[in-house]
């Protein structure tokens, strides 16, 4: 069975990552969404293994020490991160694993798994991004300004990514199709077909 692809998807708040990923996964069994681990306590709506893998701080620190986390960070006295084992298991089962992650964590994963395919998802412009954040109506002007500053820093990280996909207004299907095209091209690339080449004349 051919190994699946690890697909890193990053983008600022308001880029539409969740909607595009939902579009990718809908009516398709080729994708698996990577579930993060955390030391925070479960909320009533949380589902173990779906929302997060909930572990103790001691267990999380043990995983870090054993090199079992692809990336991790600490926020408000809790650890959050990506366990390596479920990702590798899904890849070996031939599934394409979607890792929705911020840029710092993405760079850590790229370093540990250089075969990963990284995509930065962005709206057509900064003006559109700001308009989307304002349209939500759930955040104060100060929070929106902070998100825009974070977005500027994130966009500057594009140079470390393999692909840029633009998520235009009401065009998440096109963005998802662009990502599917990236996956298809990557699977056809010579660098991912060395075994075929080695056995071609056998």
C-alpha atoms as a PDB file:
ATOM      1  CA  UNK A   1       0.000   0.000   0.000  1.00  0.00           C
ATOM      2  CA  UNK A   2       1.302   3.421  -0.953  1.00  0.00           C
ATOM      3  CA  UNK A   3       2.001   5.693   1.995  1.00  0.00           C
ATOM      4  CA  UNK A   4      -0.314   8.666   2.434  1.00  0.00           C
ATOM      5  CA  UNK A   5       0.717  12.310   2.477  1.00  0.00           C
ATOM      6  CA  UNK A   6       1.060  14.510   5.537  1.00  0.00           C
ATOM      7  CA  UNK A   7      -0.691  17.746   4.596  1.00  0.00           C
ATOM      8  CA  UNK A   8       0.041  20.806   6.725  1.00  0.00           C
ATOM      9  CA  UNK A   9      -2.569  23.563   6.397  1.00  0.00           C
ATOM     10  CA  UNK A  10      -1.908  26.943   7.994  1.00  0.00           C
ATOM     11  CA  UNK A  11      -3.498  30.343   7.687  1.00  0.00           C
ATOM     12  CA  UNK A  12      -4.510  33.297   9.832  1.00  0.00           C
ATOM     13  CA  UNK A  13      -7.815  33.525  11.661  1.00  0.00           C
ATOM     14  CA  UNK A  14     -10.408  34.388   9.025  1.00  0.00           C
ATOM     15  CA  UNK A  15      -8.688  32.485   6.210  1.00  0.00           C
ATOM     16  CA  UNK A  16     -11.409  29.828   6.218  1.00  0.00           C
ATOM     17  CA  UNK A  17      -9.266  26.817   7.155  1.00  0.00           C
ATOM     18  CA  UNK A  18     -12.088  24.991   8.928  1.00  0.00           C
ATOM     19  CA  UNK A  19     -14.529  25.411   6.052  1.00  0.00           C
ATOM     20  CA  UNK A  20     -12.020  24.294   3.409  1.00  0.00           C
ATOM     21  CA  UNK A  21     -10.922  21.293   5.471  1.00  0.00           C
ATOM     22  CA  UNK A  22     -14.559  20.295   5.965  1.00  0.00           C
ATOM     23  CA  UNK A  23     -14.998  20.517   2.184  1.00  0.00           C
ATOM     24  CA  UNK A  24     -11.927  18.318   1.676  1.00  0.00           C
ATOM     25  CA  UNK A  25     -13.105  15.648   4.088  1.00  0.00           C
ATOM     26  CA  UNK A  26     -16.756  15.601   3.053  1.00  0.00           C
ATOM     27  CA  UNK A  27     -17.727  12.417   1.203  1.00  0.00           C
ATOM     28  CA  UNK A  28     -14.097  11.260   1.133  1.00  0.00           C
ATOM     29  CA  UNK A  29     -12.350   8.515   3.086  1.00  0.00           C
ATOM     30  CA  UNK A  30      -8.849   9.400   1.870  1.00  0.00           C
ATOM     31  CA  UNK A  31      -8.307  12.044   4.564  1.00  0.00           C
ATOM     32  CA  UNK A  32      -7.752  11.767   8.306  1.00  0.00           C
ATOM     33  CA  UNK A  33      -7.811  14.861  10.517  1.00  0.00           C
ATOM     34  CA  UNK A  34      -4.954  14.912  13.024  1.00  0.00           C
ATOM     35  CA  UNK A  35      -6.248  15.187  16.604  1.00  0.00           C
ATOM     36  CA  UNK A  36      -4.106  17.144  19.054  1.00  0.00           C
ATOM     37  CA  UNK A  37      -3.252  16.140  22.601  1.00  0.00           C
ATOM     38  CA  UNK A  38      -3.711  18.498  25.543  1.00  0.00           C
ATOM     39  CA  UNK A  39      -3.303  18.613  29.293  1.00  0.00           C
ATOM     40  CA  UNK A  40      -6.326  20.861  29.789  1.00  0.00           C
ATOM     41  CA  UNK A  41      -9.442  19.409  31.383  1.00  0.00           C
ATOM     42  CA  UNK A  42     -12.205  18.232  29.021  1.00  0.00           C
ATOM     43  CA  UNK A  43     -15.206  20.503  28.594  1.00  0.00           C
ATOM     44  CA  UNK A  44     -18.741  19.032  28.595  1.00  0.00           C
ATOM     45  CA  UNK A  45     -18.906  19.179  24.792  1.00  0.00           C
ATOM     46  CA  UNK A  46     -15.480  17.566  24.273  1.00  0.00           C
ATOM     47  CA  UNK A  47     -15.141  14.030  22.933  1.00  0.00           C
ATOM     48  CA  UNK A  48     -11.984  12.029  23.688  1.00  0.00           C
ATOM     49  CA  UNK A  49     -10.066  11.221  20.513  1.00  0.00           C
ATOM     50  CA  UNK A  50     -12.227  13.614  18.471  1.00  0.00           C
ATOM     51  CA  UNK A  51     -11.840  17.018  20.158  1.00  0.00           C
ATOM     52  CA  UNK A  52      -8.475  16.143  21.702  1.00  0.00           C
ATOM     53  CA  UNK A  53      -6.549  13.344  23.317  1.00  0.00           C
ATOM     54  CA  UNK A  54      -6.736  14.326  26.984  1.00  0.00           C
ATOM     55  CA  UNK A  55      -3.626  13.385  28.965  1.00  0.00           C
ATOM     56  CA  UNK A  56      -2.032  14.352  32.265  1.00  0.00           C
ATOM     57  CA  UNK A  57       0.818  16.852  32.366  1.00  0.00           C
ATOM     58  CA  UNK A  58       3.190  14.081  33.474  1.00  0.00           C
ATOM     59  CA  UNK A  59       2.160  11.905  30.519  1.00  0.00           C
ATOM     60  CA  UNK A  60       2.562  14.803  28.086  1.00  0.00           C
ATOM     61  CA  UNK A  61       6.035  15.613  29.433  1.00  0.00           C
ATOM     62  CA  UNK A  62       6.982  11.928  29.122  1.00  0.00           C
ATOM     63  CA  UNK A  63       5.880  12.000  25.470  1.00  0.00           C
ATOM     64  CA  UNK A  64       8.054  15.074  24.870  1.00  0.00           C
ATOM     65  CA  UNK A  65      11.050  13.389  26.509  1.00  0.00           C
ATOM     66  CA  UNK A  66      10.555  10.235  24.403  1.00  0.00           C
ATOM     67  CA  UNK A  67      10.292  12.247  21.166  1.00  0.00           C
ATOM     68  CA  UNK A  68       6.672  11.214  20.653  1.00  0.00           C
ATOM     69  CA  UNK A  69       5.368  14.706  19.847  1.00  0.00           C
ATOM     70  CA  UNK A  70       5.725  16.176  16.371  1.00  0.00           C
ATOM     71  CA  UNK A  71       5.283  19.631  17.872  1.00  0.00           C
ATOM     72  CA  UNK A  72       3.930  21.176  21.038  1.00  0.00           C
ATOM     73  CA  UNK A  73       3.432  24.473  22.815  1.00  0.00           C
ATOM     74  CA  UNK A  74       2.256  25.651  26.217  1.00  0.00           C
ATOM     75  CA  UNK A  75      -0.648  28.081  26.539  1.00  0.00           C
ATOM     76  CA  UNK A  76      -2.158  29.285  29.823  1.00  0.00           C
ATOM     77  CA  UNK A  77      -0.394  26.545  31.830  1.00  0.00           C
ATOM     78  CA  UNK A  78      -1.562  23.749  29.529  1.00  0.00           C
ATOM     79  CA  UNK A  79       0.303  21.818  26.859  1.00  0.00           C
ATOM     80  CA  UNK A  80      -1.105  21.342  23.359  1.00  0.00           C
ATOM     81  CA  UNK A  81       0.580  19.338  20.626  1.00  0.00           C
ATOM     82  CA  UNK A  82       0.523  16.729  17.870  1.00  0.00           C
ATOM     83  CA  UNK A  83       1.205  13.098  18.865  1.00  0.00           C
ATOM     84  CA  UNK A  84       3.415  11.373  16.302  1.00  0.00           C
ATOM     85  CA  UNK A  85       2.097   7.793  16.550  1.00  0.00           C
ATOM     86  CA  UNK A  86      -1.478   8.332  15.231  1.00  0.00           C
ATOM     87  CA  UNK A  87      -0.151  10.433  12.343  1.00  0.00           C
ATOM     88  CA  UNK A  88       2.391   7.789  11.301  1.00  0.00           C
ATOM     89  CA  UNK A  89      -0.172   4.979  11.651  1.00  0.00           C
ATOM     90  CA  UNK A  90      -2.647   6.788   9.372  1.00  0.00           C
ATOM     91  CA  UNK A  91       0.055   7.567   6.793  1.00  0.00           C
ATOM     92  CA  UNK A  92       1.160   3.935   6.708  1.00  0.00           C
ATOM     93  CA  UNK A  93      -2.474   2.937   6.196  1.00  0.00           C
ATOM     94  CA  UNK A  94      -2.422   5.010   3.007  1.00  0.00           C
ATOM     95  CA  UNK A  95      -4.463   7.927   4.377  1.00  0.00           C
ATOM     96  CA  UNK A  96      -3.667  11.584   3.747  1.00  0.00           C
ATOM     97  CA  UNK A  97      -3.355  13.218   7.167  1.00  0.00           C
ATOM     98  CA  UNK A  98      -4.513  16.827   7.536  1.00  0.00           C
ATOM     99  CA  UNK A  99      -2.633  18.783  10.163  1.00  0.00           C
ATOM    100  CA  UNK A 100      -4.269  22.179  10.781  1.00  0.00           C
ATOM    101  CA  UNK A 101      -1.638  24.133  12.652  1.00  0.00           C
ATOM    102  CA  UNK A 102      -0.133  27.563  13.215  1.00  0.00           C
ATOM    103  CA  UNK A 103       3.129  28.487  11.537  1.00  0.00           C
ATOM    104  CA  UNK A 104       5.529  27.890  14.444  1.00  0.00           C
ATOM    105  CA  UNK A 105       4.240  24.363  14.968  1.00  0.00           C
ATOM    106  CA  UNK A 106       4.216  23.786  11.217  1.00  0.00           C
ATOM    107  CA  UNK A 107       7.931  24.580  10.959  1.00  0.00           C
ATOM    108  CA  UNK A 108       8.658  22.102  13.746  1.00  0.00           C
ATOM    109  CA  UNK A 109       6.732  19.387  11.883  1.00  0.00           C
ATOM    110  CA  UNK A 110       8.484  20.226   8.595  1.00  0.00           C
ATOM    111  CA  UNK A 111      11.829  19.764  10.331  1.00  0.00           C
ATOM    112  CA  UNK A 112      10.882  16.353  11.753  1.00  0.00           C
ATOM    113  CA  UNK A 113       8.972  15.162   8.684  1.00  0.00           C
ATOM    114  CA  UNK A 114      10.449  16.934   5.637  1.00  0.00           C
ATOM    115  CA  UNK A 115       8.271  14.842   3.330  1.00  0.00           C
ATOM    116  CA  UNK A 116       5.225  16.798   4.561  1.00  0.00           C
ATOM    117  CA  UNK A 117       3.399  18.980   2.037  1.00  0.00           C
ATOM    118  CA  UNK A 118       2.716  22.457   3.420  1.00  0.00           C
ATOM    119  CA  UNK A 119      -0.054  24.796   2.272  1.00  0.00           C
ATOM    120  CA  UNK A 120      -0.691  28.369   3.365  1.00  0.00           C
ATOM    121  CA  UNK A 121      -4.371  29.265   2.961  1.00  0.00           C
ATOM    122  CA  UNK A 122      -5.076  32.972   2.595  1.00  0.00           C
ATOM    123  CA  UNK A 123      -7.911  35.298   1.582  1.00  0.00           C
ATOM    124  CA  UNK A 124      -7.280  37.326  -1.606  1.00  0.00           C
ATOM    125  CA  UNK A 125      -5.948  40.326   0.358  1.00  0.00           C
ATOM    126  CA  UNK A 126      -5.389  41.770   3.813  1.00  0.00           C
ATOM    127  CA  UNK A 127      -8.444  43.993   3.284  1.00  0.00           C
ATOM    128  CA  UNK A 128     -10.625  40.933   2.710  1.00  0.00           C
ATOM    129  CA  UNK A 129      -9.151  39.264   5.792  1.00  0.00           C
ATOM    130  CA  UNK A 130      -9.978  42.290   7.950  1.00  0.00           C
ATOM    131  CA  UNK A 131     -13.505  42.427   6.513  1.00  0.00           C
ATOM    132  CA  UNK A 132     -14.061  38.760   7.380  1.00  0.00           C
ATOM    133  CA  UNK A 133     -12.897  39.292  10.958  1.00  0.00           C
ATOM    134  CA  UNK A 134     -15.136  42.346  11.344  1.00  0.00           C
ATOM    135  CA  UNK A 135     -18.096  40.533   9.786  1.00  0.00           C
ATOM    136  CA  UNK A 136     -17.969  37.855  12.479  1.00  0.00           C
ATOM    137  CA  UNK A 137     -19.178  40.408  15.019  1.00  0.00           C
ATOM    138  CA  UNK A 138     -17.731  38.348  17.871  1.00  0.00           C
ATOM    139  CA  UNK A 139     -14.522  40.259  18.594  1.00  0.00           C
ATOM    140  CA  UNK A 140     -13.620  43.731  19.796  1.00  0.00           C
ATOM    141  CA  UNK A 141     -11.655  46.170  17.650  1.00  0.00           C
ATOM    142  CA  UNK A 142      -8.577  45.539  19.829  1.00  0.00           C
ATOM    143  CA  UNK A 143      -8.787  41.774  19.276  1.00  0.00           C
ATOM    144  CA  UNK A 144      -9.191  42.282  15.529  1.00  0.00           C
ATOM    145  CA  UNK A 145      -6.076  44.484  15.477  1.00  0.00           C
ATOM    146  CA  UNK A 146      -4.124  41.801  17.341  1.00  0.00           C
ATOM    147  CA  UNK A 147      -5.338  39.151  14.895  1.00  0.00           C
ATOM    148  CA  UNK A 148      -4.295  41.338  11.961  1.00  0.00           C
ATOM    149  CA  UNK A 149      -0.821  41.823  13.434  1.00  0.00           C
ATOM    150  CA  UNK A 150      -0.547  38.070  13.958  1.00  0.00           C
ATOM    151  CA  UNK A 151      -1.687  37.563  10.359  1.00  0.00           C
ATOM    152  CA  UNK A 152       1.100  39.849   9.097  1.00  0.00           C
ATOM    153  CA  UNK A 153       3.650  37.697  10.938  1.00  0.00           C
ATOM    154  CA  UNK A 154       2.071  34.495   9.617  1.00  0.00           C
ATOM    155  CA  UNK A 155       2.018  35.672   5.991  1.00  0.00           C
ATOM    156  CA  UNK A 156       5.730  36.468   6.283  1.00  0.00           C
ATOM    157  CA  UNK A 157       6.277  32.738   6.937  1.00  0.00           C
ATOM    158  CA  UNK A 158       4.901  31.846   3.490  1.00  0.00           C
ATOM    159  CA  UNK A 159       8.463  31.526   2.160  1.00  0.00           C
ATOM    160  CA  UNK A 160       8.860  28.329   4.214  1.00  0.00           C
ATOM    161  CA  UNK A 161       5.741  26.703   2.718  1.00  0.00           C
ATOM    162  CA  UNK A 162       5.419  24.625  -0.441  1.00  0.00           C
ATOM    163  CA  UNK A 163       2.152  26.080  -1.749  1.00  0.00           C
ATOM    164  CA  UNK A 164      -0.143  29.073  -1.515  1.00  0.00           C
ATOM    165  CA  UNK A 165      -3.890  28.551  -1.947  1.00  0.00           C
ATOM    166  CA  UNK A 166      -6.222  31.552  -2.143  1.00  0.00           C
ATOM    167  CA  UNK A 167      -9.613  31.097  -0.491  1.00  0.00           C
ATOM    168  CA  UNK A 168     -11.793  33.694  -2.196  1.00  0.00           C
ATOM    169  CA  UNK A 169     -15.237  34.762  -1.038  1.00  0.00           C
ATOM    170  CA  UNK A 170     -17.725  31.856  -1.228  1.00  0.00           C
ATOM    171  CA  UNK A 171     -15.148  29.781  -3.124  1.00  0.00           C
ATOM    172  CA  UNK A 172     -14.114  27.182  -0.576  1.00  0.00           C
ATOM    173  CA  UNK A 173     -14.894  24.413  -3.085  1.00  0.00           C
ATOM    174  CA  UNK A 174     -12.301  25.852  -5.468  1.00  0.00           C
ATOM    175  CA  UNK A 175      -9.745  26.135  -2.650  1.00  0.00           C
ATOM    176  CA  UNK A 176     -10.412  22.491  -1.714  1.00  0.00           C
ATOM    177  CA  UNK A 177     -10.037  21.491  -5.382  1.00  0.00           C
ATOM    178  CA  UNK A 178      -6.710  23.332  -5.520  1.00  0.00           C
ATOM    179  CA  UNK A 179      -5.492  21.355  -2.512  1.00  0.00           C
ATOM    180  CA  UNK A 180      -6.669  18.085  -4.095  1.00  0.00           C
ATOM    181  CA  UNK A 181      -4.680  19.040  -7.218  1.00  0.00           C
ATOM    182  CA  UNK A 182      -1.600  19.641  -5.058  1.00  0.00           C
ATOM    183  CA  UNK A 183      -1.974  16.209  -3.487  1.00  0.00           C
ATOM    184  CA  UNK A 184      -2.392  14.552  -6.878  1.00  0.00           C
ATOM    185  CA  UNK A 185       0.704  16.309  -8.253  1.00  0.00           C
ATOM    186  CA  UNK A 186       2.763  15.393  -5.197  1.00  0.00           C
ATOM    187  CA  UNK A 187       1.773  11.735  -5.463  1.00  0.00           C
ATOM    188  CA  UNK A 188       2.876  11.743  -9.106  1.00  0.00           C
ATOM    189  CA  UNK A 189       6.203  13.439  -8.378  1.00  0.00           C
ATOM    190  CA  UNK A 190       9.375  11.498  -9.202  1.00  0.00           C
ATOM    191  CA  UNK A 191      10.760  11.967  -5.686  1.00  0.00           C
ATOM    192  CA  UNK A 192       7.796  10.055  -4.248  1.00  0.00           C
ATOM    193  CA  UNK A 193       8.070   7.237  -6.773  1.00  0.00           C
ATOM    194  CA  UNK A 194      11.671   6.102  -6.306  1.00  0.00           C
ATOM    195  CA  UNK A 195      10.565   2.550  -5.478  1.00  0.00           C
ATOM    196  CA  UNK A 196       8.650   2.321  -8.768  1.00  0.00           C
ATOM    197  CA  UNK A 197      11.716   3.503 -10.671  1.00  0.00           C
ATOM    198  CA  UNK A 198      14.012   1.058  -8.839  1.00  0.00           C
ATOM    199  CA  UNK A 199      11.759  -1.906  -9.714  1.00  0.00           C
ATOM    200  CA  UNK A 200      10.760  -0.833 -13.210  1.00  0.00           C
ATOM    201  CA  UNK A 201      12.968  -3.310 -15.072  1.00  0.00           C
ATOM    202  CA  UNK A 202      12.913  -6.072 -12.449  1.00  0.00           C
END
